[in-house]
Each structure stands twice: as C-alpha cells, then as structure tokens.
C-alpha cells in the first residue's frame, strides 16, 4: 500500500515537472513573433538564417556542457536521410516568419496549428492510415476554423487593421510544411535522440537558407540581439525544455499544453504591440484548438511517441 502511494506521488511529481517545462517552452514559442516584429528592416530569409545558426550553436554548447557531444555523431547515410526534413523545416520556418510579417501573430500561430489536421488528411489518402469518425469531425471543425480566419481577412475588416489575407495564406502554407515534415520524420523512423536529429536539421536548414539570407537591412547591435534571442531562447532553449519535459510527461498531455501557444501569442501581441484581434481569429482559433484537442485525445491510446516530438520547432 505504502509503495503504491509513494509511486503515485512520484508520478504526480513527474507530471508537474513535465507540465512546468512544457509551459515554459510554450511561453518562449509564443513570444517569438514579438521579436520578429522588432526587426522589420530585416528580410525573413535573413531572420531565419541567423535563427538557425544561433539555435545550432546553442544546441552544440548544450551537448558539450551535458557531455552528450558523442550523440551528435551520425553516419553519412543518416545525414542524407535528414536532407529532405531539413528542406521542409526551412520552408516551414520561412513561411511562418513571412506570415508573422504580413498578418497578425495570432493568425499565424493558429493557422500553423492546423498541421495535425493536414497530417491526418495526407496519411489517410497517401499512407492509407485509418481515420475514425471523431477525427473526421475534428478535421471538419479545424478546416472550418481556418476558413473563418481566411474569410474574415479576405472580406477586408478595415476596423481591425485592414486585410492580412496574403499573410494568412503563407501561414497556412507553413502549417502544411510542418505536416509534411512530420510525415517525413515518421517515415524515416526513430533512430536518434531528439537533440541529435534537431541539431542536424537546424544546421541543414541554416545551409539551405544561406541563398535567401540576402543583404537586405543592416544588422545592428540591437537587431543582432533580437536574432540571438529568437535563435537561442525561442528555438534552442524551448526545444531543450520540451525534450526534457517529455521524459516526465506523456506526449499527448504535453501536446494539449502546446495548444496554449496561439492564445498566449495573441495576448502578448495585444498587450505589447497593441495588435487587434478580429472575431474571425477568435472563433476560428477556438475551433482549431478544439479540433486539435480531439485529435490529441484520439492519439492517447497509441504508444508514446519518440522525444524528437513533432511540434518542438517553430
């Protein structure tokens, strides 16, 4: 009896620790858009180039400090296998950044959170995976939410800051990019710890985005500081925290907490940038959260996923 009680207390402590780590990681993701808005003179390509560079350096430093440097070693064949996911990650982050620059931060985050729905659709038609009635309902709810966000901006809500339709479309493409990345990683299978695959993905993405970095905008000390925060805190550190959280918390539970990112992003944008949120964003975002929540609940019966977790890079 005493052993069972002690075990239950340890499980609760593990859950609490995992929740705290996950929440801190979500907060770091949610403030990313604020820092992107601080450097409007820099191109999206330049922003993500430096973000990937700083993120790679921080993960390398983390591996050295925690004596996990040997974990970063992979064979040439394994590196080749990571090229396609690296391209997909570069595309996803690039379109995400363009979205933030051209629409509201809340819209960008919510529309990218449609990714699990795209995964279900692609998996059903191309991978012949089963889909339940509840997940079908979730797909319909999520698509309706995304449609509301797009439709409201396409209609031209001048009183809410004008239309952001182009940014919405690009943010939607970012969600699709994240979905294809998720499927690519699933097909490749789990062969490494999260830090290994993510380090090389960041490094590949930095190399891939070199031609798009351009020279637009002069990098000042201030802009470099913003880029460092985006790469080190909002990318690398958030990944490290989330990766640690998954050692203490079920992936499905952590994924539910991640849904707070869209809400928190909208709150920070409103408080710090005075960014207005229109009814389409509120209703559509709520529907997307509900849809993703249903999908997560359906996935809880499946075996726990590997800790390089889809959803840790934003």
C-alpha atoms as a PDB file:
ATOM      1  CA  UNK A   1       0.000   0.000   0.000  1.00  0.00           C
ATOM      2  CA  UNK A   2       2.779   2.397   1.009  1.00  0.00           C
ATOM      3  CA  UNK A   3       4.813   1.524  -2.081  1.00  0.00           C
ATOM      4  CA  UNK A   4       1.818   2.250  -4.322  1.00  0.00           C
ATOM      5  CA  UNK A   5       1.238   5.625  -2.642  1.00  0.00           C
ATOM      6  CA  UNK A   6       4.910   6.545  -2.984  1.00  0.00           C
ATOM      7  CA  UNK A   7       4.848   5.529  -6.624  1.00  0.00           C
ATOM      8  CA  UNK A   8       1.744   7.613  -7.282  1.00  0.00           C
ATOM      9  CA  UNK A   9       3.367  10.644  -5.621  1.00  0.00           C
ATOM     10  CA  UNK A  10       6.437  10.242  -7.831  1.00  0.00           C
ATOM     11  CA  UNK A  11       4.197  10.033 -10.897  1.00  0.00           C
ATOM     12  CA  UNK A  12       2.439  13.236  -9.858  1.00  0.00           C
ATOM     13  CA  UNK A  13       5.771  14.980  -9.281  1.00  0.00           C
ATOM     14  CA  UNK A  14       6.943  13.816 -12.700  1.00  0.00           C
ATOM     15  CA  UNK A  15       3.771  15.163 -14.307  1.00  0.00           C
ATOM     16  CA  UNK A  16       4.120  18.518 -12.539  1.00  0.00           C
ATOM     17  CA  UNK A  17       7.755  18.813 -13.599  1.00  0.00           C
ATOM     18  CA  UNK A  18       6.815  17.955 -17.178  1.00  0.00           C
ATOM     19  CA  UNK A  19       3.964  20.471 -17.189  1.00  0.00           C
ATOM     20  CA  UNK A  20       6.256  23.241 -15.936  1.00  0.00           C
ATOM     21  CA  UNK A  21       8.942  22.543 -18.543  1.00  0.00           C
ATOM     22  CA  UNK A  22       6.372  22.322 -21.319  1.00  0.00           C
ATOM     23  CA  UNK A  23       4.661  25.552 -20.284  1.00  0.00           C
ATOM     24  CA  UNK A  24       7.947  27.481 -20.182  1.00  0.00           C
ATOM     25  CA  UNK A  25       8.755  26.155 -23.660  1.00  0.00           C
ATOM     26  CA  UNK A  26       5.323  27.237 -24.927  1.00  0.00           C
ATOM     27  CA  UNK A  27       5.806  30.728 -23.472  1.00  0.00           C
ATOM     28  CA  UNK A  28       9.138  31.002 -25.301  1.00  0.00           C
ATOM     29  CA  UNK A  29       7.491  29.955 -28.583  1.00  0.00           C
ATOM     30  CA  UNK A  30       4.614  32.365 -28.042  1.00  0.00           C
ATOM     31  CA  UNK A  31       6.875  35.434 -27.769  1.00  0.00           C
ATOM     32  CA  UNK A  32       8.779  34.681 -30.968  1.00  0.00           C
ATOM     33  CA  UNK A  33       6.524  36.912 -33.073  1.00  0.00           C
ATOM     34  CA  UNK A  34       7.197  39.878 -30.782  1.00  0.00           C
ATOM     35  CA  UNK A  35      10.922  39.712 -31.547  1.00  0.00           C
ATOM     36  CA  UNK A  36      10.330  39.241 -35.291  1.00  0.00           C
ATOM     37  CA  UNK A  37       8.339  42.484 -35.244  1.00  0.00           C
ATOM     38  CA  UNK A  38      11.289  44.260 -33.584  1.00  0.00           C
ATOM     39  CA  UNK A  39      13.413  43.901 -36.743  1.00  0.00           C
ATOM     40  CA  UNK A  40      11.123  44.954 -39.623  1.00  0.00           C
ATOM     41  CA  UNK A  41      14.131  46.114 -41.636  1.00  0.00           C
ATOM     42  CA  UNK A  42      15.492  42.550 -41.919  1.00  0.00           C
ATOM     43  CA  UNK A  43      14.222  40.120 -44.538  1.00  0.00           C
ATOM     44  CA  UNK A  44      12.508  36.896 -43.497  1.00  0.00           C
ATOM     45  CA  UNK A  45      15.354  34.900 -45.050  1.00  0.00           C
ATOM     46  CA  UNK A  46      17.957  36.740 -43.001  1.00  0.00           C
ATOM     47  CA  UNK A  47      15.955  36.301 -39.805  1.00  0.00           C
ATOM     48  CA  UNK A  48      15.595  32.531 -40.138  1.00  0.00           C
ATOM     49  CA  UNK A  49      19.224  32.134 -41.285  1.00  0.00           C
ATOM     50  CA  UNK A  50      20.532  33.703 -38.084  1.00  0.00           C
ATOM     51  CA  UNK A  51      17.867  31.938 -36.038  1.00  0.00           C
ATOM     52  CA  UNK A  52      19.054  28.543 -37.294  1.00  0.00           C
ATOM     53  CA  UNK A  53      22.713  29.469 -36.814  1.00  0.00           C
ATOM     54  CA  UNK A  54      22.225  30.589 -33.206  1.00  0.00           C
ATOM     55  CA  UNK A  55      19.977  27.601 -32.458  1.00  0.00           C
ATOM     56  CA  UNK A  56      22.631  25.191 -33.807  1.00  0.00           C
ATOM     57  CA  UNK A  57      25.348  26.829 -31.734  1.00  0.00           C
ATOM     58  CA  UNK A  58      23.281  26.708 -28.545  1.00  0.00           C
ATOM     59  CA  UNK A  59      22.414  23.019 -29.077  1.00  0.00           C
ATOM     60  CA  UNK A  60      26.098  22.295 -29.709  1.00  0.00           C
ATOM     61  CA  UNK A  61      27.017  24.103 -26.485  1.00  0.00           C
ATOM     62  CA  UNK A  62      24.296  22.203 -24.616  1.00  0.00           C
ATOM     63  CA  UNK A  63      25.675  18.895 -25.918  1.00  0.00           C
ATOM     64  CA  UNK A  64      29.180  19.840 -24.748  1.00  0.00           C
ATOM     65  CA  UNK A  65      28.063  21.000 -21.285  1.00  0.00           C
ATOM     66  CA  UNK A  66      25.866  17.927 -20.690  1.00  0.00           C
ATOM     67  CA  UNK A  67      28.560  15.612 -22.110  1.00  0.00           C
ATOM     68  CA  UNK A  68      26.295  14.489 -24.935  1.00  0.00           C
ATOM     69  CA  UNK A  69      28.596  15.535 -27.754  1.00  0.00           C
ATOM     70  CA  UNK A  70      29.081  11.905 -28.948  1.00  0.00           C
ATOM     71  CA  UNK A  71      25.304  11.751 -29.503  1.00  0.00           C
ATOM     72  CA  UNK A  72      25.651  14.283 -32.339  1.00  0.00           C
ATOM     73  CA  UNK A  73      27.721  11.889 -34.425  1.00  0.00           C
ATOM     74  CA  UNK A  74      25.821  10.324 -37.321  1.00  0.00           C
ATOM     75  CA  UNK A  75      26.843   8.408 -40.426  1.00  0.00           C
ATOM     76  CA  UNK A  76      26.881   9.900 -43.921  1.00  0.00           C
ATOM     77  CA  UNK A  77      23.869   7.833 -44.964  1.00  0.00           C
ATOM     78  CA  UNK A  78      21.912   9.111 -41.956  1.00  0.00           C
ATOM     79  CA  UNK A  79      22.835  12.698 -42.823  1.00  0.00           C
ATOM     80  CA  UNK A  80      21.495  12.205 -46.347  1.00  0.00           C
ATOM     81  CA  UNK A  81      18.224  10.950 -44.872  1.00  0.00           C
ATOM     82  CA  UNK A  82      17.846  14.220 -42.966  1.00  0.00           C
ATOM     83  CA  UNK A  83      18.233  16.487 -46.004  1.00  0.00           C
ATOM     84  CA  UNK A  84      14.561  16.343 -47.037  1.00  0.00           C
ATOM     85  CA  UNK A  85      13.281  17.082 -43.493  1.00  0.00           C
ATOM     86  CA  UNK A  86      15.852  19.892 -43.356  1.00  0.00           C
ATOM     87  CA  UNK A  87      14.373  21.424 -46.517  1.00  0.00           C
ATOM     88  CA  UNK A  88      10.856  21.071 -45.097  1.00  0.00           C
ATOM     89  CA  UNK A  89      11.860  22.693 -41.807  1.00  0.00           C
ATOM     90  CA  UNK A  90      13.489  25.593 -43.673  1.00  0.00           C
ATOM     91  CA  UNK A  91      10.305  26.061 -45.730  1.00  0.00           C
ATOM     92  CA  UNK A  92       8.101  25.848 -42.628  1.00  0.00           C
ATOM     93  CA  UNK A  93      10.053  28.400 -40.597  1.00  0.00           C
ATOM     94  CA  UNK A  94      10.469  30.724 -43.587  1.00  0.00           C
ATOM     95  CA  UNK A  95       6.732  30.821 -44.338  1.00  0.00           C
ATOM     96  CA  UNK A  96       5.995  31.135 -40.596  1.00  0.00           C
ATOM     97  CA  UNK A  97       8.222  34.229 -40.425  1.00  0.00           C
ATOM     98  CA  UNK A  98       6.702  35.726 -43.579  1.00  0.00           C
ATOM     99  CA  UNK A  99       3.276  35.087 -42.069  1.00  0.00           C
ATOM    100  CA  UNK A 100       4.171  36.992 -38.892  1.00  0.00           C
ATOM    101  CA  UNK A 101       5.390  39.906 -41.015  1.00  0.00           C
ATOM    102  CA  UNK A 102       2.189  40.057 -43.084  1.00  0.00           C
ATOM    103  CA  UNK A 103      -0.656  39.099 -40.765  1.00  0.00           C
ATOM    104  CA  UNK A 104      -1.405  39.084 -37.051  1.00  0.00           C
ATOM    105  CA  UNK A 105       0.744  36.910 -34.807  1.00  0.00           C
ATOM    106  CA  UNK A 106      -2.368  35.084 -33.531  1.00  0.00           C
ATOM    107  CA  UNK A 107      -3.481  34.258 -37.093  1.00  0.00           C
ATOM    108  CA  UNK A 108      -0.036  32.907 -37.958  1.00  0.00           C
ATOM    109  CA  UNK A 109       0.101  30.610 -34.944  1.00  0.00           C
ATOM    110  CA  UNK A 110      -3.471  29.355 -35.229  1.00  0.00           C
ATOM    111  CA  UNK A 111      -3.166  28.649 -38.965  1.00  0.00           C
ATOM    112  CA  UNK A 112       0.079  26.753 -38.426  1.00  0.00           C
ATOM    113  CA  UNK A 113      -1.646  24.717 -35.718  1.00  0.00           C
ATOM    114  CA  UNK A 114      -3.770  23.195 -38.498  1.00  0.00           C
ATOM    115  CA  UNK A 115      -0.756  20.950 -39.184  1.00  0.00           C
ATOM    116  CA  UNK A 116      -2.117  17.882 -37.303  1.00  0.00           C
ATOM    117  CA  UNK A 117      -5.241  18.068 -39.456  1.00  0.00           C
ATOM    118  CA  UNK A 118      -3.167  18.095 -42.650  1.00  0.00           C
ATOM    119  CA  UNK A 119      -1.223  15.105 -41.285  1.00  0.00           C
ATOM    120  CA  UNK A 120      -4.472  13.165 -40.871  1.00  0.00           C
ATOM    121  CA  UNK A 121      -5.663  14.039 -44.383  1.00  0.00           C
ATOM    122  CA  UNK A 122      -2.331  13.196 -46.047  1.00  0.00           C
ATOM    123  CA  UNK A 123      -1.980   9.985 -44.019  1.00  0.00           C
ATOM    124  CA  UNK A 124      -5.493   8.882 -44.966  1.00  0.00           C
ATOM    125  CA  UNK A 125      -5.161   9.438 -48.722  1.00  0.00           C
ATOM    126  CA  UNK A 126      -1.492   8.636 -49.320  1.00  0.00           C
ATOM    127  CA  UNK A 127      -0.438   6.348 -46.453  1.00  0.00           C
ATOM    128  CA  UNK A 128      -3.800   4.543 -46.228  1.00  0.00           C
ATOM    129  CA  UNK A 129      -3.995   5.081 -42.467  1.00  0.00           C
ATOM    130  CA  UNK A 130      -7.360   4.662 -40.766  1.00  0.00           C
ATOM    131  CA  UNK A 131      -9.328   7.666 -39.562  1.00  0.00           C
ATOM    132  CA  UNK A 132     -12.137   7.477 -37.012  1.00  0.00           C
ATOM    133  CA  UNK A 133     -15.403   9.367 -37.034  1.00  0.00           C
ATOM    134  CA  UNK A 134     -14.167  11.606 -34.220  1.00  0.00           C
ATOM    135  CA  UNK A 135     -11.008  12.532 -36.112  1.00  0.00           C
ATOM    136  CA  UNK A 136     -13.093  13.132 -39.241  1.00  0.00           C
ATOM    137  CA  UNK A 137     -15.212  15.520 -37.176  1.00  0.00           C
ATOM    138  CA  UNK A 138     -12.030  17.158 -35.881  1.00  0.00           C
ATOM    139  CA  UNK A 139     -10.791  17.681 -39.448  1.00  0.00           C
ATOM    140  CA  UNK A 140     -14.067  19.360 -40.418  1.00  0.00           C
ATOM    141  CA  UNK A 141     -14.028  21.594 -37.317  1.00  0.00           C
ATOM    142  CA  UNK A 142     -10.393  22.580 -37.863  1.00  0.00           C
ATOM    143  CA  UNK A 143     -10.863  23.358 -41.547  1.00  0.00           C
ATOM    144  CA  UNK A 144     -13.908  25.461 -40.658  1.00  0.00           C
ATOM    145  CA  UNK A 145     -11.790  27.394 -38.162  1.00  0.00           C
ATOM    146  CA  UNK A 146      -9.076  28.045 -40.720  1.00  0.00           C
ATOM    147  CA  UNK A 147     -11.692  29.061 -43.301  1.00  0.00           C
ATOM    148  CA  UNK A 148     -13.196  31.594 -40.883  1.00  0.00           C
ATOM    149  CA  UNK A 149      -9.813  33.238 -40.310  1.00  0.00           C
ATOM    150  CA  UNK A 150      -9.112  33.416 -44.048  1.00  0.00           C
ATOM    151  CA  UNK A 151     -12.634  34.500 -44.991  1.00  0.00           C
ATOM    152  CA  UNK A 152     -12.739  37.316 -42.454  1.00  0.00           C
ATOM    153  CA  UNK A 153      -9.440  38.774 -43.649  1.00  0.00           C
ATOM    154  CA  UNK A 154     -10.342  38.300 -47.304  1.00  0.00           C
ATOM    155  CA  UNK A 155     -13.531  40.266 -46.626  1.00  0.00           C
ATOM    156  CA  UNK A 156     -11.471  43.257 -45.544  1.00  0.00           C
ATOM    157  CA  UNK A 157     -12.037  44.112 -41.894  1.00  0.00           C
ATOM    158  CA  UNK A 158     -10.662  47.646 -42.024  1.00  0.00           C
ATOM    159  CA  UNK A 159     -11.731  48.376 -38.472  1.00  0.00           C
ATOM    160  CA  UNK A 160      -9.393  45.600 -37.319  1.00  0.00           C
ATOM    161  CA  UNK A 161      -6.336  46.862 -39.142  1.00  0.00           C
ATOM    162  CA  UNK A 162      -7.136  46.012 -42.741  1.00  0.00           C
ATOM    163  CA  UNK A 163      -6.783  42.696 -44.556  1.00  0.00           C
ATOM    164  CA  UNK A 164      -3.976  40.249 -43.897  1.00  0.00           C
ATOM    165  CA  UNK A 165      -5.042  37.708 -46.482  1.00  0.00           C
ATOM    166  CA  UNK A 166      -1.593  37.188 -48.024  1.00  0.00           C
ATOM    167  CA  UNK A 167      -0.037  36.609 -44.612  1.00  0.00           C
ATOM    168  CA  UNK A 168      -2.837  34.188 -43.753  1.00  0.00           C
ATOM    169  CA  UNK A 169      -2.190  32.168 -46.913  1.00  0.00           C
ATOM    170  CA  UNK A 170       1.532  31.986 -46.188  1.00  0.00           C
ATOM    171  CA  UNK A 171       0.861  30.952 -42.576  1.00  0.00           C
ATOM    172  CA  UNK A 172      -1.443  28.224 -43.897  1.00  0.00           C
ATOM    173  CA  UNK A 173       1.392  27.038 -46.134  1.00  0.00           C
ATOM    174  CA  UNK A 174       3.613  26.930 -43.038  1.00  0.00           C
ATOM    175  CA  UNK A 175       1.152  24.566 -41.381  1.00  0.00           C
ATOM    176  CA  UNK A 176       1.208  22.352 -44.461  1.00  0.00           C
ATOM    177  CA  UNK A 177       5.014  22.426 -44.425  1.00  0.00           C
ATOM    178  CA  UNK A 178       5.044  21.348 -40.793  1.00  0.00           C
ATOM    179  CA  UNK A 179       2.653  18.499 -41.622  1.00  0.00           C
ATOM    180  CA  UNK A 180       4.855  17.189 -44.439  1.00  0.00           C
ATOM    181  CA  UNK A 181       7.907  17.468 -42.169  1.00  0.00           C
ATOM    182  CA  UNK A 182       6.080  15.431 -39.511  1.00  0.00           C
ATOM    183  CA  UNK A 183       5.215  12.708 -42.007  1.00  0.00           C
ATOM    184  CA  UNK A 184       8.766  12.678 -43.398  1.00  0.00           C
ATOM    185  CA  UNK A 185      10.196  12.168 -39.898  1.00  0.00           C
ATOM    186  CA  UNK A 186       7.626   9.447 -39.225  1.00  0.00           C
ATOM    187  CA  UNK A 187       8.595   7.610 -42.420  1.00  0.00           C
ATOM    188  CA  UNK A 188      12.297   7.907 -41.603  1.00  0.00           C
ATOM    189  CA  UNK A 189      11.655   6.307 -38.247  1.00  0.00           C
ATOM    190  CA  UNK A 190      13.171   6.937 -34.837  1.00  0.00           C
ATOM    191  CA  UNK A 191      16.934   6.403 -34.895  1.00  0.00           C
ATOM    192  CA  UNK A 192      18.321   9.148 -32.654  1.00  0.00           C
ATOM    193  CA  UNK A 193      17.620  11.228 -29.580  1.00  0.00           C
ATOM    194  CA  UNK A 194      15.774  14.488 -30.225  1.00  0.00           C
ATOM    195  CA  UNK A 195      18.857  16.647 -29.790  1.00  0.00           C
ATOM    196  CA  UNK A 196      20.719  14.680 -32.490  1.00  0.00           C
ATOM    197  CA  UNK A 197      18.156  14.964 -35.265  1.00  0.00           C
ATOM    198  CA  UNK A 198      17.210  18.534 -34.356  1.00  0.00           C
ATOM    199  CA  UNK A 199      20.819  19.756 -34.275  1.00  0.00           C
ATOM    200  CA  UNK A 200      21.463  18.433 -37.770  1.00  0.00           C
ATOM    201  CA  UNK A 201      18.107  19.683 -39.038  1.00  0.00           C
ATOM    202  CA  UNK A 202      18.906  23.186 -37.766  1.00  0.00           C
ATOM    203  CA  UNK A 203      22.355  23.028 -39.357  1.00  0.00           C
ATOM    204  CA  UNK A 204      20.980  21.801 -42.691  1.00  0.00           C
ATOM    205  CA  UNK A 205      18.272  24.468 -42.589  1.00  0.00           C
ATOM    206  CA  UNK A 206      20.903  27.162 -41.996  1.00  0.00           C
ATOM    207  CA  UNK A 207      22.865  25.961 -45.041  1.00  0.00           C
ATOM    208  CA  UNK A 208      19.706  25.740 -47.167  1.00  0.00           C
ATOM    209  CA  UNK A 209      18.615  29.284 -46.253  1.00  0.00           C
ATOM    210  CA  UNK A 210      22.019  30.834 -46.983  1.00  0.00           C
ATOM    211  CA  UNK A 211      20.991  31.918 -50.529  1.00  0.00           C
ATOM    212  CA  UNK A 212      17.817  33.518 -49.114  1.00  0.00           C
ATOM    213  CA  UNK A 213      19.615  35.420 -46.381  1.00  0.00           C
ATOM    214  CA  UNK A 214      20.358  38.266 -48.726  1.00  0.00           C
ATOM    215  CA  UNK A 215      21.828  41.554 -47.584  1.00  0.00           C
ATOM    216  CA  UNK A 216      18.593  43.483 -47.093  1.00  0.00           C
ATOM    217  CA  UNK A 217      18.670  45.553 -43.933  1.00  0.00           C
ATOM    218  CA  UNK A 218      21.747  46.477 -41.939  1.00  0.00           C
ATOM    219  CA  UNK A 219      22.326  44.246 -38.929  1.00  0.00           C
ATOM    220  CA  UNK A 220      22.818  46.485 -35.912  1.00  0.00           C
ATOM    221  CA  UNK A 221      23.721  45.512 -32.362  1.00  0.00           C
ATOM    222  CA  UNK A 222      20.030  45.679 -31.449  1.00  0.00           C
ATOM    223  CA  UNK A 223      18.862  43.526 -34.359  1.00  0.00           C
ATOM    224  CA  UNK A 224      21.627  41.005 -33.650  1.00  0.00           C
ATOM    225  CA  UNK A 225      20.425  40.785 -30.049  1.00  0.00           C
ATOM    226  CA  UNK A 226      16.869  40.127 -31.276  1.00  0.00           C
ATOM    227  CA  UNK A 227      18.147  37.424 -33.640  1.00  0.00           C
ATOM    228  CA  UNK A 228      20.127  35.832 -30.816  1.00  0.00           C
ATOM    229  CA  UNK A 229      17.054  35.731 -28.566  1.00  0.00           C
ATOM    230  CA  UNK A 230      14.980  34.160 -31.358  1.00  0.00           C
ATOM    231  CA  UNK A 231      17.585  31.504 -32.094  1.00  0.00           C
ATOM    232  CA  UNK A 232      18.785  30.690 -28.588  1.00  0.00           C
ATOM    233  CA  UNK A 233      15.762  31.176 -26.325  1.00  0.00           C
ATOM    234  CA  UNK A 234      12.712  30.889 -28.633  1.00  0.00           C
ATOM    235  CA  UNK A 235      14.157  27.982 -30.612  1.00  0.00           C
ATOM    236  CA  UNK A 236      17.012  26.032 -28.990  1.00  0.00           C
ATOM    237  CA  UNK A 237      16.112  26.508 -25.313  1.00  0.00           C
ATOM    238  CA  UNK A 238      12.416  25.885 -25.926  1.00  0.00           C
ATOM    239  CA  UNK A 239      13.316  22.638 -27.715  1.00  0.00           C
ATOM    240  CA  UNK A 240      15.614  21.548 -24.857  1.00  0.00           C
ATOM    241  CA  UNK A 241      12.909  22.228 -22.257  1.00  0.00           C
ATOM    242  CA  UNK A 242      10.252  20.412 -24.270  1.00  0.00           C
ATOM    243  CA  UNK A 243      12.567  17.476 -24.870  1.00  0.00           C
ATOM    244  CA  UNK A 244      13.236  17.234 -21.109  1.00  0.00           C
ATOM    245  CA  UNK A 245       9.506  17.592 -20.390  1.00  0.00           C
ATOM    246  CA  UNK A 246       8.735  14.513 -22.485  1.00  0.00           C
ATOM    247  CA  UNK A 247      10.837  12.435 -20.107  1.00  0.00           C
ATOM    248  CA  UNK A 248       8.358  13.274 -17.351  1.00  0.00           C
ATOM    249  CA  UNK A 249       5.076  13.776 -19.199  1.00  0.00           C
ATOM    250  CA  UNK A 250       3.104  11.843 -21.809  1.00  0.00           C
ATOM    251  CA  UNK A 251       3.373  13.296 -25.308  1.00  0.00           C
ATOM    252  CA  UNK A 252      -0.419  13.646 -25.573  1.00  0.00           C
ATOM    253  CA  UNK A 253      -0.589  15.688 -22.358  1.00  0.00           C
ATOM    254  CA  UNK A 254       2.294  17.904 -23.458  1.00  0.00           C
ATOM    255  CA  UNK A 255       0.592  18.466 -26.819  1.00  0.00           C
ATOM    256  CA  UNK A 256      -2.510  19.786 -25.060  1.00  0.00           C
ATOM    257  CA  UNK A 257      -0.393  22.407 -23.259  1.00  0.00           C
ATOM    258  CA  UNK A 258       1.181  23.388 -26.598  1.00  0.00           C
ATOM    259  CA  UNK A 259      -2.286  24.477 -27.766  1.00  0.00           C
ATOM    260  CA  UNK A 260      -1.923  27.462 -25.411  1.00  0.00           C
ATOM    261  CA  UNK A 261       0.649  28.941 -27.789  1.00  0.00           C
ATOM    262  CA  UNK A 262      -1.957  30.535 -30.056  1.00  0.00           C
ATOM    263  CA  UNK A 263      -3.807  32.089 -27.123  1.00  0.00           C
ATOM    264  CA  UNK A 264      -0.638  33.374 -25.449  1.00  0.00           C
ATOM    265  CA  UNK A 265       0.698  34.747 -28.754  1.00  0.00           C
ATOM    266  CA  UNK A 266      -2.494  36.748 -29.237  1.00  0.00           C
ATOM    267  CA  UNK A 267      -2.339  38.079 -25.660  1.00  0.00           C
ATOM    268  CA  UNK A 268       1.307  39.206 -25.934  1.00  0.00           C
ATOM    269  CA  UNK A 269       0.648  40.808 -29.341  1.00  0.00           C
ATOM    270  CA  UNK A 270      -2.331  42.710 -27.914  1.00  0.00           C
ATOM    271  CA  UNK A 271      -0.531  43.852 -24.749  1.00  0.00           C
ATOM    272  CA  UNK A 272       2.869  44.668 -26.265  1.00  0.00           C
ATOM    273  CA  UNK A 273       2.116  45.557 -29.899  1.00  0.00           C
ATOM    274  CA  UNK A 274      -1.498  46.716 -29.474  1.00  0.00           C
ATOM    275  CA  UNK A 275      -2.364  44.217 -32.210  1.00  0.00           C
ATOM    276  CA  UNK A 276      -6.118  43.918 -32.655  1.00  0.00           C
ATOM    277  CA  UNK A 277      -7.772  40.522 -32.797  1.00  0.00           C
ATOM    278  CA  UNK A 278     -10.829  40.213 -35.012  1.00  0.00           C
ATOM    279  CA  UNK A 279     -13.846  37.913 -34.480  1.00  0.00           C
ATOM    280  CA  UNK A 280     -12.648  35.591 -37.251  1.00  0.00           C
ATOM    281  CA  UNK A 281      -9.412  34.956 -35.350  1.00  0.00           C
ATOM    282  CA  UNK A 282     -11.202  34.365 -32.033  1.00  0.00           C
ATOM    283  CA  UNK A 283     -13.836  31.970 -33.394  1.00  0.00           C
ATOM    284  CA  UNK A 284     -11.567  30.295 -35.933  1.00  0.00           C
ATOM    285  CA  UNK A 285      -8.747  29.925 -33.419  1.00  0.00           C
ATOM    286  CA  UNK A 286     -11.117  28.396 -30.866  1.00  0.00           C
ATOM    287  CA  UNK A 287     -12.336  25.855 -33.445  1.00  0.00           C
ATOM    288  CA  UNK A 288      -8.756  24.933 -34.371  1.00  0.00           C
ATOM    289  CA  UNK A 289      -7.893  24.379 -30.705  1.00  0.00           C
ATOM    290  CA  UNK A 290     -10.985  22.183 -30.237  1.00  0.00           C
ATOM    291  CA  UNK A 291     -10.159  20.176 -33.366  1.00  0.00           C
ATOM    292  CA  UNK A 292      -6.537  19.642 -32.372  1.00  0.00           C
ATOM    293  CA  UNK A 293      -7.638  18.717 -28.855  1.00  0.00           C
ATOM    294  CA  UNK A 294      -9.910  15.987 -30.253  1.00  0.00           C
ATOM    295  CA  UNK A 295      -7.060  14.629 -32.374  1.00  0.00           C
ATOM    296  CA  UNK A 296      -4.740  14.558 -29.349  1.00  0.00           C
ATOM    297  CA  UNK A 297      -7.340  12.742 -27.266  1.00  0.00           C
ATOM    298  CA  UNK A 298      -7.737  10.152 -30.026  1.00  0.00           C
ATOM    299  CA  UNK A 299      -3.961   9.637 -30.150  1.00  0.00           C
ATOM    300  CA  UNK A 300      -3.647   8.982 -26.407  1.00  0.00           C
ATOM    301  CA  UNK A 301      -4.484   5.312 -26.920  1.00  0.00           C
ATOM    302  CA  UNK A 302      -1.468   4.924 -29.214  1.00  0.00           C
ATOM    303  CA  UNK A 303       2.062   4.097 -27.952  1.00  0.00           C
ATOM    304  CA  UNK A 304       4.094   7.023 -26.647  1.00  0.00           C
ATOM    305  CA  UNK A 305       5.971   8.820 -29.387  1.00  0.00           C
ATOM    306  CA  UNK A 306       9.703   9.377 -29.550  1.00  0.00           C
ATOM    307  CA  UNK A 307      11.101  12.529 -27.919  1.00  0.00           C
ATOM    308  CA  UNK A 308      12.094  14.388 -31.034  1.00  0.00           C
ATOM    309  CA  UNK A 309       8.414  15.213 -30.933  1.00  0.00           C
ATOM    310  CA  UNK A 310       6.643  16.870 -33.850  1.00  0.00           C
ATOM    311  CA  UNK A 311       5.881  20.361 -32.646  1.00  0.00           C
ATOM    312  CA  UNK A 312       9.090  21.453 -30.977  1.00  0.00           C
ATOM    313  CA  UNK A 313      10.456  23.669 -33.697  1.00  0.00           C
ATOM    314  CA  UNK A 314       8.616  26.875 -34.520  1.00  0.00           C
END
